[in-house]
C-alpha atoms as a PDB file:
ATOM      1  CA  MET A   1       0.004   0.015  -0.006  1.00  0.00           C
ATOM      2  CA  PHE A   2       1.088   3.519  -0.736  1.00  0.00           C
ATOM      3  CA  GLU A   3       0.876   6.240   1.798  1.00  0.00           C
ATOM      4  CA  HIS A   4      -0.285   9.524   0.386  1.00  0.00           C
ATOM      5  CA  HIS A   5       1.250  12.461   2.147  1.00  0.00           C
ATOM      6  CA  VAL A   6      -0.247  15.896   1.670  1.00  0.00           C
ATOM      7  CA  PRO A   7       2.409  18.570   2.056  1.00  0.00           C
ATOM      8  CA  PRO A   8       1.672  21.063   4.791  1.00  0.00           C
ATOM      9  CA  VAL A   9       0.172  24.363   3.715  1.00  0.00           C
ATOM     10  CA  VAL A  10       2.537  27.195   4.544  1.00  0.00           C
ATOM     11  CA  ARG A  11       0.831  30.476   5.277  1.00  0.00           C
ATOM     12  CA  GLU A  12       2.339  33.863   5.976  1.00  0.00           C
ATOM     13  CA  VAL A  13       1.904  34.883   9.629  1.00  0.00           C
ATOM     14  CA  LEU A  14       1.011  38.533   9.968  1.00  0.00           C
ATOM     15  CA  VAL A  15       2.561  40.504  12.828  1.00  0.00           C
ATOM     16  CA  ASP A  16       1.456  43.749  14.476  1.00  0.00           C
ATOM     17  CA  GLU A  17       4.785  45.565  14.588  1.00  0.00           C
ATOM     18  CA  ASP A  18       3.360  48.115  17.090  1.00  0.00           C
ATOM     19  CA  ALA A  19       2.256  45.507  19.663  1.00  0.00           C
ATOM     20  CA  VAL A  20       4.166  45.379  22.915  1.00  0.00           C
ATOM     21  CA  SER A  21       6.319  42.307  23.584  1.00  0.00           C
ATOM     22  CA  ILE A  22       7.792  41.551  27.000  1.00  0.00           C
ATOM     23  CA  ASP A  23      10.829  40.061  25.229  1.00  0.00           C
ATOM     24  CA  PRO A  24      12.394  42.336  22.596  1.00  0.00           C
ATOM     25  CA  ALA A  25      13.785  39.252  20.832  1.00  0.00           C
ATOM     26  CA  LEU A  26      10.290  37.791  20.260  1.00  0.00           C
ATOM     27  CA  PRO A  27       7.206  39.046  18.448  1.00  0.00           C
ATOM     28  CA  ALA A  28       4.351  40.209  20.679  1.00  0.00           C
ATOM     29  CA  PHE A  29       2.163  37.181  19.968  1.00  0.00           C
ATOM     30  CA  LEU A  30       4.884  34.928  21.467  1.00  0.00           C
ATOM     31  CA  ALA A  31       5.650  37.194  24.438  1.00  0.00           C
ATOM     32  CA  PRO A  32       2.525  39.248  25.248  1.00  0.00           C
ATOM     33  CA  PRO A  33       2.198  41.340  28.415  1.00  0.00           C
ATOM     34  CA  GLY A  34       0.197  39.622  31.180  1.00  0.00           C
ATOM     35  CA  ASP A  35      -2.870  41.798  30.618  1.00  0.00           C
ATOM     36  CA  ALA A  36      -2.920  41.459  26.822  1.00  0.00           C
ATOM     37  CA  PRO A  37      -6.161  40.322  25.148  1.00  0.00           C
ATOM     38  CA  ALA A  38      -6.396  37.149  23.084  1.00  0.00           C
ATOM     39  CA  TYR A  39      -4.575  37.400  19.719  1.00  0.00           C
ATOM     40  CA  HIS A  40      -2.339  40.174  20.939  1.00  0.00           C
ATOM     41  CA  GLY A  41       0.453  40.749  18.434  1.00  0.00           C
ATOM     42  CA  PHE A  42      -1.646  40.007  15.338  1.00  0.00           C
ATOM     43  CA  PRO A  43      -2.940  42.947  13.325  1.00  0.00           C
ATOM     44  CA  VAL A  44      -6.446  44.377  13.365  1.00  0.00           C
ATOM     45  CA  ILE A  45      -7.611  45.432   9.923  1.00  0.00           C
ATOM     46  CA  ALA A  46      -8.626  49.086  10.263  1.00  0.00           C
ATOM     47  CA  GLU A  47     -10.794  48.998   7.090  1.00  0.00           C
ATOM     48  CA  SER A  48     -12.905  46.125   8.471  1.00  0.00           C
ATOM     49  CA  GLU A  49     -14.988  47.973  11.123  1.00  0.00           C
ATOM     50  CA  VAL A  50     -18.713  47.141  10.939  1.00  0.00           C
ATOM     51  CA  GLY A  51     -20.959  48.454  13.716  1.00  0.00           C
ATOM     52  CA  GLY A  52     -18.189  48.236  16.327  1.00  0.00           C
ATOM     53  CA  TRP A  53     -16.977  44.799  15.132  1.00  0.00           C
ATOM     54  CA  ARG A  54     -13.452  44.457  13.698  1.00  0.00           C
ATOM     55  CA  LEU A  55     -11.525  41.700  11.912  1.00  0.00           C
ATOM     56  CA  GLY A  56      -8.026  40.676  12.891  1.00  0.00           C
ATOM     57  CA  MET A  57      -5.737  38.484  10.818  1.00  0.00           C
ATOM     58  CA  ILE A  58      -3.282  35.811  11.982  1.00  0.00           C
ATOM     59  CA  THR A  59      -2.368  34.542   8.524  1.00  0.00           C
ATOM     60  CA  GLY A  60      -2.223  36.454   5.299  1.00  0.00           C
ATOM     61  CA  PHE A  61      -5.182  37.085   2.996  1.00  0.00           C
ATOM     62  CA  GLY A  62      -6.196  34.594   0.343  1.00  0.00           C
ATOM     63  CA  VAL A  63      -8.721  31.803   0.105  1.00  0.00           C
ATOM     64  CA  GLU A  64      -8.227  30.345   3.579  1.00  0.00           C
ATOM     65  CA  GLY A  65      -6.523  31.215   6.819  1.00  0.00           C
ATOM     66  CA  ASP A  66      -6.755  32.007  10.475  1.00  0.00           C
ATOM     67  CA  GLY A  67      -7.977  35.172  12.058  1.00  0.00           C
ATOM     68  CA  TYR A  68     -10.125  36.554  14.833  1.00  0.00           C
ATOM     69  CA  VAL A  69     -13.000  38.924  15.381  1.00  0.00           C
ATOM     70  CA  ILE A  70     -13.259  41.694  17.990  1.00  0.00           C
ATOM     71  CA  ALA A  71     -16.767  42.434  19.218  1.00  0.00           C
ATOM     72  CA  PRO A  72     -17.978  45.894  20.293  1.00  0.00           C
ATOM     73  CA  ASP A  73     -16.986  45.142  23.919  1.00  0.00           C
ATOM     74  CA  ASP A  74     -13.448  44.153  22.831  1.00  0.00           C
ATOM     75  CA  GLY A  75     -14.272  40.456  23.417  1.00  0.00           C
ATOM     76  CA  ARG A  76     -12.522  38.176  20.939  1.00  0.00           C
ATOM     77  CA  ALA A  77     -13.248  34.953  19.100  1.00  0.00           C
ATOM     78  CA  GLY A  78     -11.056  32.899  16.792  1.00  0.00           C
ATOM     79  CA  LEU A  79     -11.817  32.231  13.122  1.00  0.00           C
ATOM     80  CA  VAL A  80     -10.684  29.466  10.836  1.00  0.00           C
ATOM     81  CA  TRP A  81     -11.899  30.954   7.578  1.00  0.00           C
ATOM     82  CA  THR A  82     -12.281  30.381   3.886  1.00  0.00           C
ATOM     83  CA  ALA A  83     -13.314  32.800   1.169  1.00  0.00           C
ATOM     84  CA  GLU A  84     -14.751  32.620  -2.311  1.00  0.00           C
ATOM     85  CA  GLY A  85     -16.064  29.087  -1.830  1.00  0.00           C
ATOM     86  CA  ALA A  86     -18.975  27.363  -0.110  1.00  0.00           C
ATOM     87  CA  GLY A  87     -20.669  29.330   2.633  1.00  0.00           C
ATOM     88  CA  TYR A  88     -20.720  27.644   6.026  1.00  0.00           C
ATOM     89  CA  PHE A  89     -20.621  28.440   9.740  1.00  0.00           C
ATOM     90  CA  LEU A  90     -19.594  26.013  12.495  1.00  0.00           C
ATOM     91  CA  ALA A  91     -19.057  26.673  16.157  1.00  0.00           C
ATOM     92  CA  GLY A  92     -15.715  25.108  16.927  1.00  0.00           C
ATOM     93  CA  HIS A  93     -13.275  23.563  14.466  1.00  0.00           C
ATOM     94  CA  PRO A  94     -12.711  19.817  14.182  1.00  0.00           C
ATOM     95  CA  GLN A  95      -8.923  20.163  14.070  1.00  0.00           C
ATOM     96  CA  PHE A  96      -8.859  22.027  17.416  1.00  0.00           C
ATOM     97  CA  CYS A  97     -12.105  21.184  19.169  1.00  0.00           C
ATOM     98  CA  ASP A  98     -14.283  18.140  19.680  1.00  0.00           C
ATOM     99  CA  GLU A  99     -17.421  20.282  19.657  1.00  0.00           C
ATOM    100  CA  GLU A 100     -17.702  23.995  20.390  1.00  0.00           C
ATOM    101  CA  CYS A 101     -14.605  25.879  21.542  1.00  0.00           C
ATOM    102  CA  GLY A 102     -15.151  28.532  24.183  1.00  0.00           C
ATOM    103  CA  PRO A 103     -16.152  30.580  25.713  1.00  0.00           C
ATOM    104  CA  ASP A 104     -13.120  30.389  27.927  1.00  0.00           C
ATOM    105  CA  GLU A 105     -11.105  32.896  29.930  1.00  0.00           C
ATOM    106  CA  TYR A 106      -9.662  34.413  26.730  1.00  0.00           C
ATOM    107  CA  THR A 107     -12.322  34.194  23.995  1.00  0.00           C
ATOM    108  CA  TRP A 108     -16.055  33.729  23.520  1.00  0.00           C
ATOM    109  CA  GLY A 109     -15.420  30.957  21.000  1.00  0.00           C
ATOM    110  CA  VAL A 110     -13.646  29.622  17.928  1.00  0.00           C
ATOM    111  CA  PHE A 111     -15.582  29.343  14.688  1.00  0.00           C
ATOM    112  CA  SER A 112     -15.034  27.697  11.266  1.00  0.00           C
ATOM    113  CA  VAL A 113     -16.500  30.050   8.690  1.00  0.00           C
ATOM    114  CA  GLY A 114     -16.822  30.161   4.925  1.00  0.00           C
ATOM    115  CA  VAL A 115     -18.030  33.257   3.121  1.00  0.00           C
ATOM    116  CA  ARG A 116     -18.504  33.338  -0.630  1.00  0.00           C
ATOM    117  CA  LEU A 117     -16.943  36.800  -0.758  1.00  0.00           C
ATOM    118  CA  PRO A 118     -13.233  37.406  -1.457  1.00  0.00           C
ATOM    119  CA  LEU A 119     -10.726  38.147   1.305  1.00  0.00           C
ATOM    120  CA  ARG A 120      -7.724  39.018  -0.843  1.00  0.00           C
ATOM    121  CA  GLY A 121      -6.687  42.139   1.081  1.00  0.00           C
ATOM    122  CA  PRO A 122      -7.785  44.809   3.583  1.00  0.00           C
ATOM    123  CA  GLY A 123     -10.192  46.265   1.029  1.00  0.00           C
ATOM    124  CA  ASP A 124     -12.285  43.060   1.147  1.00  0.00           C
ATOM    125  CA  ALA A 125     -12.306  42.797   4.990  1.00  0.00           C
ATOM    126  CA  ARG A 126     -15.370  44.977   5.671  1.00  0.00           C
ATOM    127  CA  ALA A 127     -17.756  43.117   3.381  1.00  0.00           C
ATOM    128  CA  TYR A 128     -16.444  39.748   4.589  1.00  0.00           C
ATOM    129  CA  LEU A 129     -16.947  40.719   8.236  1.00  0.00           C
ATOM    130  CA  ALA A 130     -20.409  42.231   7.520  1.00  0.00           C
ATOM    131  CA  ALA A 131     -21.457  38.805   6.228  1.00  0.00           C
ATOM    132  CA  LEU A 132     -20.195  37.127   9.458  1.00  0.00           C
ATOM    133  CA  VAL A 133     -21.555  39.474  12.129  1.00  0.00           C
ATOM    134  CA  PRO A 134     -25.147  38.233  11.935  1.00  0.00           C
ATOM    135  CA  LEU A 135     -23.897  34.678  12.458  1.00  0.00           C
ATOM    136  CA  LEU A 136     -21.438  35.546  15.237  1.00  0.00           C
ATOM    137  CA  HIS A 137     -23.690  37.954  17.111  1.00  0.00           C
ATOM    138  CA  PRO A 138     -25.902  35.331  18.841  1.00  0.00           C
ATOM    139  CA  PHE A 139     -22.829  33.534  20.234  1.00  0.00           C
ATOM    140  CA  TRP A 140     -21.318  36.789  21.454  1.00  0.00           C
ATOM    141  CA  ALA A 141     -24.641  37.901  22.991  1.00  0.00           C
ATOM    142  CA  ALA A 142     -24.994  34.547  24.827  1.00  0.00           C
ATOM    143  CA  ARG A 143     -21.484  34.540  26.325  1.00  0.00           C
ATOM    144  CA  PRO A 144     -20.931  34.846  30.047  1.00  0.00           C
ATOM    145  CA  VAL A 145     -20.463  38.522  30.883  1.00  0.00           C
ATOM    146  CA  GLU A 146     -17.969  39.662  33.477  1.00  0.00           C
ATOM    147  CA  ALA A 147     -18.515  42.798  35.565  1.00  0.00           C
ATOM    148  CA  GLY A 148     -17.714  45.964  33.629  1.00  0.00           C
ATOM    149  CA  GLN A 149     -18.140  44.450  30.177  1.00  0.00           C
ATOM    150  CA  LEU A 150     -20.954  45.303  27.790  1.00  0.00           C
ATOM    151  CA  GLY A 151     -23.687  42.751  27.929  1.00  0.00           C
ATOM    152  CA  PRO A 152     -26.488  42.027  25.494  1.00  0.00           C
ATOM    153  CA  ALA A 153     -28.743  44.634  27.088  1.00  0.00           C
ATOM    154  CA  SER A 154     -26.221  47.394  26.260  1.00  0.00           C
ATOM    155  CA  ASP A 155     -25.448  46.158  22.737  1.00  0.00           C
ATOM    156  CA  PRO A 156     -27.305  48.346  20.278  1.00  0.00           C
ATOM    157  CA  GLN A 157     -27.656  45.516  17.739  1.00  0.00           C
ATOM    158  CA  SER A 158     -29.414  43.141  20.138  1.00  0.00           C
ATOM    159  CA  ASN A 159     -32.215  45.406  21.429  1.00  0.00           C
ATOM    160  CA  GLY A 160     -31.579  43.870  24.877  1.00  0.00           C
ATOM    161  CA  GLN A 161     -32.441  40.330  23.809  1.00  0.00           C
ATOM    162  CA  GLN A 162     -30.190  37.347  24.265  1.00  0.00           C
ATOM    163  CA  ALA A 163     -29.668  34.871  21.430  1.00  0.00           C
ATOM    164  CA  GLY A 164     -32.514  32.464  20.982  1.00  0.00           C
ATOM    165  CA  LYS A 165     -35.026  34.439  23.070  1.00  0.00           C
ATOM    166  CA  GLN A 166     -38.172  35.845  21.496  1.00  0.00           C
ATOM    167  CA  PRO A 167     -39.574  39.292  22.421  1.00  0.00           C
END
């Protein structure tokens, strides 16, 4: 029998050159300050802002990669994404999670997402994120809220309702 080996996919890792690292010899994502949020050291795409939501990138743009989303309260969730292909949305990712990942102490989840729109560069980020926000919002609204964070009642998009509840 022949073994078929698929070569690993090598993706460019994007780095936020302005992020603080506690070790000058290491990038900030490898040596974040103790109070840094999840995905510290990876860039946030300024052009992506949609209603207080922002897209951050871990790998470069293209047809698939890794990234994260920042909600209006600065809460973060991971994304394993594809673009320009089949549309899909899964809570969790089979490579990293048995079922749903999060919320945990760092994020309100990890999601596998596919949007039929391109994500070839920063100029595509806003439309791509706009397509995701309606799918992500219920998970963000249902997360456990710590004191001092915005909750669903103070989120202007939720009208004070938690995900899955009818008026």
